[in-house]
Amino acid sequence: MLAVHRSLLALRRAHPDLVDSDLTAVEVDWDDADRWLVVHRGALRVVVNLAAEPREIDLDRPADEVLFATAELPGVDGSTVTMPPESAAVLSTR
């Protein structure tokens, strides 16, 4: 757990979008039925799958890189992310 916290703290230091205090710039997309959500923070996307099954989630723009994942790495194909069950990831986008 300590390694997870250290990774997230390093991510916050490296990506100012994660600590921007302007919450009017933050957007959230979600789907209650499929149990996922996406938080938009500048060029970053925090993608969360709360379901017990994998989910394909369409982002508003293509993803470049997985910066952090709580489980196995999600699959990224352009702007579609395939998230493992009950997982979260931070992605950079174009």
N, C-alpha and C. Protein backbone atom coordinates (compact mmCIF):
# COMPACT_ATOMS: atom_id res chain seq x y z
N MET A 1 0.81 -1.18 0.00
CA MET A 1 0.00 0.00 0.00
C MET A 1 0.87 1.27 0.00
N LEU A 2 1.99 1.20 0.70
CA LEU A 2 2.89 2.35 0.74
C LEU A 2 3.40 2.67 -0.67
N ALA A 3 3.70 1.64 -1.45
CA ALA A 3 4.18 1.86 -2.82
C ALA A 3 3.12 2.55 -3.67
N VAL A 4 1.86 2.21 -3.47
CA VAL A 4 0.76 2.85 -4.21
C VAL A 4 0.71 4.33 -3.87
N HIS A 5 0.76 4.66 -2.61
CA HIS A 5 0.73 6.06 -2.17
C HIS A 5 1.92 6.84 -2.72
N ARG A 6 3.08 6.23 -2.69
CA ARG A 6 4.27 6.91 -3.23
C ARG A 6 4.14 7.15 -4.73
N SER A 7 3.60 6.16 -5.44
CA SER A 7 3.39 6.32 -6.89
C SER A 7 2.41 7.45 -7.18
N LEU A 8 1.34 7.51 -6.43
CA LEU A 8 0.34 8.57 -6.65
C LEU A 8 0.90 9.95 -6.28
N LEU A 9 1.68 10.03 -5.23
CA LEU A 9 2.29 11.31 -4.86
C LEU A 9 3.27 11.77 -5.95
N ALA A 10 4.04 10.85 -6.49
CA ALA A 10 4.98 11.19 -7.58
C ALA A 10 4.20 11.65 -8.81
N LEU A 11 3.07 11.01 -9.07
CA LEU A 11 2.23 11.39 -10.20
C LEU A 11 1.70 12.81 -10.03
N ARG A 12 1.29 13.15 -8.83
CA ARG A 12 0.80 14.51 -8.56
C ARG A 12 1.89 15.55 -8.76
N ARG A 13 3.12 15.22 -8.35
CA ARG A 13 4.23 16.15 -8.54
C ARG A 13 4.57 16.32 -10.02
N ALA A 14 4.46 15.25 -10.78
CA ALA A 14 4.84 15.28 -12.19
C ALA A 14 3.76 15.87 -13.11
N HIS A 15 2.50 15.88 -12.65
CA HIS A 15 1.39 16.31 -13.50
C HIS A 15 0.54 17.36 -12.77
N PRO A 16 0.80 18.63 -13.02
CA PRO A 16 0.07 19.70 -12.34
C PRO A 16 -1.45 19.64 -12.54
N ASP A 17 -1.93 19.02 -13.62
CA ASP A 17 -3.37 18.89 -13.82
C ASP A 17 -4.05 18.19 -12.64
N LEU A 18 -3.33 17.32 -11.96
CA LEU A 18 -3.92 16.57 -10.85
C LEU A 18 -4.11 17.41 -9.59
N VAL A 19 -3.42 18.53 -9.49
CA VAL A 19 -3.51 19.34 -8.29
C VAL A 19 -4.08 20.73 -8.56
N ASP A 20 -4.52 20.97 -9.78
CA ASP A 20 -5.10 22.26 -10.13
C ASP A 20 -6.30 22.53 -9.24
N SER A 21 -6.31 23.65 -8.56
CA SER A 21 -7.40 23.97 -7.62
C SER A 21 -8.65 24.50 -8.31
N ASP A 22 -8.60 24.72 -9.62
CA ASP A 22 -9.77 25.21 -10.36
C ASP A 22 -10.71 24.05 -10.65
N LEU A 23 -11.63 23.81 -9.74
CA LEU A 23 -12.55 22.68 -9.89
C LEU A 23 -13.59 22.92 -10.98
N THR A 24 -13.72 24.15 -11.47
CA THR A 24 -14.65 24.38 -12.58
C THR A 24 -14.11 23.76 -13.87
N ALA A 25 -12.82 23.45 -13.90
CA ALA A 25 -12.21 22.83 -15.07
C ALA A 25 -12.30 21.30 -15.03
N VAL A 26 -12.79 20.74 -13.94
CA VAL A 26 -12.91 19.30 -13.79
C VAL A 26 -14.27 18.85 -14.33
N GLU A 27 -14.25 17.81 -15.15
CA GLU A 27 -15.50 17.22 -15.66
C GLU A 27 -15.55 15.76 -15.26
N VAL A 28 -16.77 15.24 -15.12
CA VAL A 28 -16.95 13.84 -14.77
C VAL A 28 -18.00 13.24 -15.68
N ASP A 29 -17.67 12.10 -16.28
CA ASP A 29 -18.63 11.30 -17.04
C ASP A 29 -18.84 10.00 -16.26
N TRP A 30 -20.06 9.45 -16.33
CA TRP A 30 -20.31 8.19 -15.64
C TRP A 30 -21.47 7.46 -16.29
N ASP A 31 -21.56 6.20 -15.96
CA ASP A 31 -22.67 5.36 -16.39
C ASP A 31 -23.10 4.53 -15.19
N ASP A 32 -24.25 4.87 -14.62
CA ASP A 32 -24.74 4.14 -13.44
C ASP A 32 -24.97 2.67 -13.73
N ALA A 33 -25.54 2.37 -14.88
CA ALA A 33 -25.88 0.98 -15.21
C ALA A 33 -24.64 0.12 -15.39
N ASP A 34 -23.62 0.64 -16.08
CA ASP A 34 -22.40 -0.13 -16.32
C ASP A 34 -21.36 0.05 -15.23
N ARG A 35 -21.60 0.99 -14.31
CA ARG A 35 -20.79 1.19 -13.12
C ARG A 35 -19.35 1.61 -13.42
N TRP A 36 -19.20 2.69 -14.20
CA TRP A 36 -17.89 3.26 -14.45
C TRP A 36 -17.96 4.78 -14.37
N LEU A 37 -16.80 5.41 -14.22
CA LEU A 37 -16.73 6.87 -14.27
C LEU A 37 -15.37 7.30 -14.78
N VAL A 38 -15.35 8.51 -15.35
CA VAL A 38 -14.13 9.12 -15.87
C VAL A 38 -14.06 10.55 -15.35
N VAL A 39 -12.95 10.89 -14.72
CA VAL A 39 -12.72 12.25 -14.24
C VAL A 39 -11.72 12.90 -15.20
N HIS A 40 -12.10 14.05 -15.77
CA HIS A 40 -11.25 14.79 -16.70
C HIS A 40 -10.49 15.86 -15.91
N ARG A 41 -9.18 15.78 -15.93
CA ARG A 41 -8.33 16.79 -15.28
C ARG A 41 -7.30 17.23 -16.30
N GLY A 42 -7.60 18.28 -17.06
CA GLY A 42 -6.69 18.73 -18.11
C GLY A 42 -6.52 17.64 -19.15
N ALA A 43 -5.26 17.26 -19.42
CA ALA A 43 -4.97 16.22 -20.41
C ALA A 43 -5.00 14.82 -19.80
N LEU A 44 -5.32 14.71 -18.52
CA LEU A 44 -5.35 13.41 -17.85
C LEU A 44 -6.79 12.93 -17.67
N ARG A 45 -6.94 11.61 -17.64
CA ARG A 45 -8.23 10.99 -17.37
C ARG A 45 -8.03 9.95 -16.28
N VAL A 46 -8.83 10.06 -15.23
CA VAL A 46 -8.87 9.05 -14.18
C VAL A 46 -10.08 8.18 -14.50
N VAL A 47 -9.83 6.93 -14.86
CA VAL A 47 -10.88 6.02 -15.32
C VAL A 47 -11.08 4.96 -14.24
N VAL A 48 -12.35 4.74 -13.85
CA VAL A 48 -12.67 3.81 -12.77
C VAL A 48 -13.75 2.85 -13.24
N ASN A 49 -13.51 1.57 -13.08
CA ASN A 49 -14.51 0.54 -13.35
C ASN A 49 -14.92 -0.07 -12.01
N LEU A 50 -16.15 0.17 -11.59
CA LEU A 50 -16.66 -0.35 -10.32
C LEU A 50 -17.35 -1.69 -10.48
N ALA A 51 -17.50 -2.16 -11.71
CA ALA A 51 -18.20 -3.42 -11.99
C ALA A 51 -17.30 -4.62 -11.75
N ALA A 52 -17.92 -5.77 -11.57
CA ALA A 52 -17.19 -7.02 -11.36
C ALA A 52 -16.76 -7.64 -12.69
N GLU A 53 -17.09 -6.99 -13.80
CA GLU A 53 -16.70 -7.46 -15.13
C GLU A 53 -15.88 -6.37 -15.82
N PRO A 54 -15.07 -6.75 -16.82
CA PRO A 54 -14.35 -5.73 -17.59
C PRO A 54 -15.34 -4.80 -18.30
N ARG A 55 -14.92 -3.57 -18.56
CA ARG A 55 -15.75 -2.59 -19.25
C ARG A 55 -14.94 -1.88 -20.32
N GLU A 56 -15.57 -1.67 -21.48
CA GLU A 56 -15.00 -0.81 -22.51
C GLU A 56 -15.58 0.57 -22.31
N ILE A 57 -14.70 1.55 -22.15
CA ILE A 57 -15.12 2.92 -21.87
C ILE A 57 -14.54 3.83 -22.95
N ASP A 58 -15.40 4.60 -23.57
CA ASP A 58 -14.96 5.53 -24.61
C ASP A 58 -14.62 6.87 -23.98
N LEU A 59 -13.41 7.33 -24.24
CA LEU A 59 -12.96 8.63 -23.76
C LEU A 59 -13.29 9.69 -24.81
N ASP A 60 -13.14 10.95 -24.42
CA ASP A 60 -13.41 12.06 -25.33
C ASP A 60 -12.27 12.30 -26.31
N ARG A 61 -11.12 11.69 -26.06
CA ARG A 61 -9.96 11.81 -26.95
C ARG A 61 -9.05 10.60 -26.76
N PRO A 62 -8.15 10.36 -27.72
CA PRO A 62 -7.27 9.19 -27.62
C PRO A 62 -6.34 9.25 -26.41
N ALA A 63 -6.10 8.10 -25.83
CA ALA A 63 -5.17 7.99 -24.71
C ALA A 63 -3.78 7.67 -25.24
N ASP A 64 -2.77 8.27 -24.62
CA ASP A 64 -1.37 8.04 -25.00
C ASP A 64 -0.70 6.97 -24.16
N GLU A 65 -0.91 7.07 -22.85
CA GLU A 65 -0.10 6.28 -21.93
C GLU A 65 -0.87 6.01 -20.65
N VAL A 66 -0.66 4.83 -20.08
CA VAL A 66 -1.18 4.51 -18.75
C VAL A 66 -0.12 4.95 -17.75
N LEU A 67 -0.46 5.93 -16.92
CA LEU A 67 0.50 6.46 -15.94
C LEU A 67 0.44 5.71 -14.62
N PHE A 68 -0.73 5.13 -14.31
CA PHE A 68 -0.93 4.42 -13.05
C PHE A 68 -2.11 3.49 -13.22
N ALA A 69 -2.03 2.31 -12.65
CA ALA A 69 -3.16 1.37 -12.66
C ALA A 69 -3.20 0.62 -11.34
N THR A 70 -4.41 0.36 -10.85
CA THR A 70 -4.57 -0.35 -9.58
C THR A 70 -4.55 -1.86 -9.76
N ALA A 71 -4.72 -2.31 -10.97
CA ALA A 71 -4.74 -3.75 -11.28
C ALA A 71 -3.89 -3.97 -12.52
N GLU A 72 -4.21 -4.99 -13.28
CA GLU A 72 -3.50 -5.18 -14.54
C GLU A 72 -3.74 -3.96 -15.42
N LEU A 73 -2.82 -3.72 -16.33
CA LEU A 73 -2.95 -2.54 -17.19
C LEU A 73 -4.19 -2.63 -18.06
N PRO A 74 -4.91 -1.52 -18.19
CA PRO A 74 -6.07 -1.53 -19.09
C PRO A 74 -5.61 -1.59 -20.53
N GLY A 75 -6.48 -2.10 -21.39
CA GLY A 75 -6.20 -2.08 -22.81
C GLY A 75 -6.56 -0.72 -23.38
N VAL A 76 -5.71 -0.18 -24.21
CA VAL A 76 -5.96 1.14 -24.81
C VAL A 76 -5.92 1.00 -26.32
N ASP A 77 -7.00 1.40 -26.98
CA ASP A 77 -7.08 1.38 -28.44
C ASP A 77 -7.68 2.71 -28.87
N GLY A 78 -6.80 3.67 -29.13
CA GLY A 78 -7.28 5.01 -29.47
C GLY A 78 -7.97 5.64 -28.28
N SER A 79 -9.25 5.95 -28.44
CA SER A 79 -10.00 6.57 -27.35
C SER A 79 -10.85 5.57 -26.58
N THR A 80 -10.68 4.26 -26.84
CA THR A 80 -11.41 3.23 -26.10
C THR A 80 -10.46 2.55 -25.12
N VAL A 81 -10.90 2.49 -23.87
CA VAL A 81 -10.11 1.87 -22.81
C VAL A 81 -10.88 0.67 -22.29
N THR A 82 -10.23 -0.48 -22.23
CA THR A 82 -10.85 -1.67 -21.66
C THR A 82 -10.29 -1.85 -20.26
N MET A 83 -11.14 -1.58 -19.28
CA MET A 83 -10.73 -1.62 -17.89
C MET A 83 -11.00 -2.99 -17.28
N PRO A 84 -10.03 -3.53 -16.53
CA PRO A 84 -10.28 -4.77 -15.79
C PRO A 84 -11.37 -4.55 -14.73
N PRO A 85 -11.93 -5.62 -14.20
CA PRO A 85 -12.95 -5.47 -13.15
C PRO A 85 -12.41 -4.73 -11.93
N GLU A 86 -13.26 -3.93 -11.33
CA GLU A 86 -12.96 -3.25 -10.06
C GLU A 86 -11.55 -2.66 -10.05
N SER A 87 -11.32 -1.75 -10.98
CA SER A 87 -9.98 -1.17 -11.12
C SER A 87 -10.07 0.31 -11.45
N ALA A 88 -8.92 0.95 -11.37
CA ALA A 88 -8.81 2.37 -11.72
C ALA A 88 -7.47 2.59 -12.42
N ALA A 89 -7.43 3.65 -13.23
CA ALA A 89 -6.18 3.98 -13.93
C ALA A 89 -6.14 5.48 -14.20
N VAL A 90 -4.94 6.00 -14.28
CA VAL A 90 -4.72 7.39 -14.70
C VAL A 90 -4.06 7.33 -16.08
N LEU A 91 -4.68 7.99 -17.05
CA LEU A 91 -4.19 7.97 -18.43
C LEU A 91 -3.86 9.37 -18.91
N SER A 92 -2.80 9.48 -19.69
CA SER A 92 -2.54 10.76 -20.38
C SER A 92 -3.23 10.67 -21.73
N THR A 93 -3.68 11.83 -22.23
CA THR A 93 -4.38 11.86 -23.52
C THR A 93 -3.73 12.88 -24.43
N ARG A 94 -4.10 12.81 -25.70
CA ARG A 94 -3.59 13.78 -26.69
C ARG A 94 -4.47 15.01 -26.72
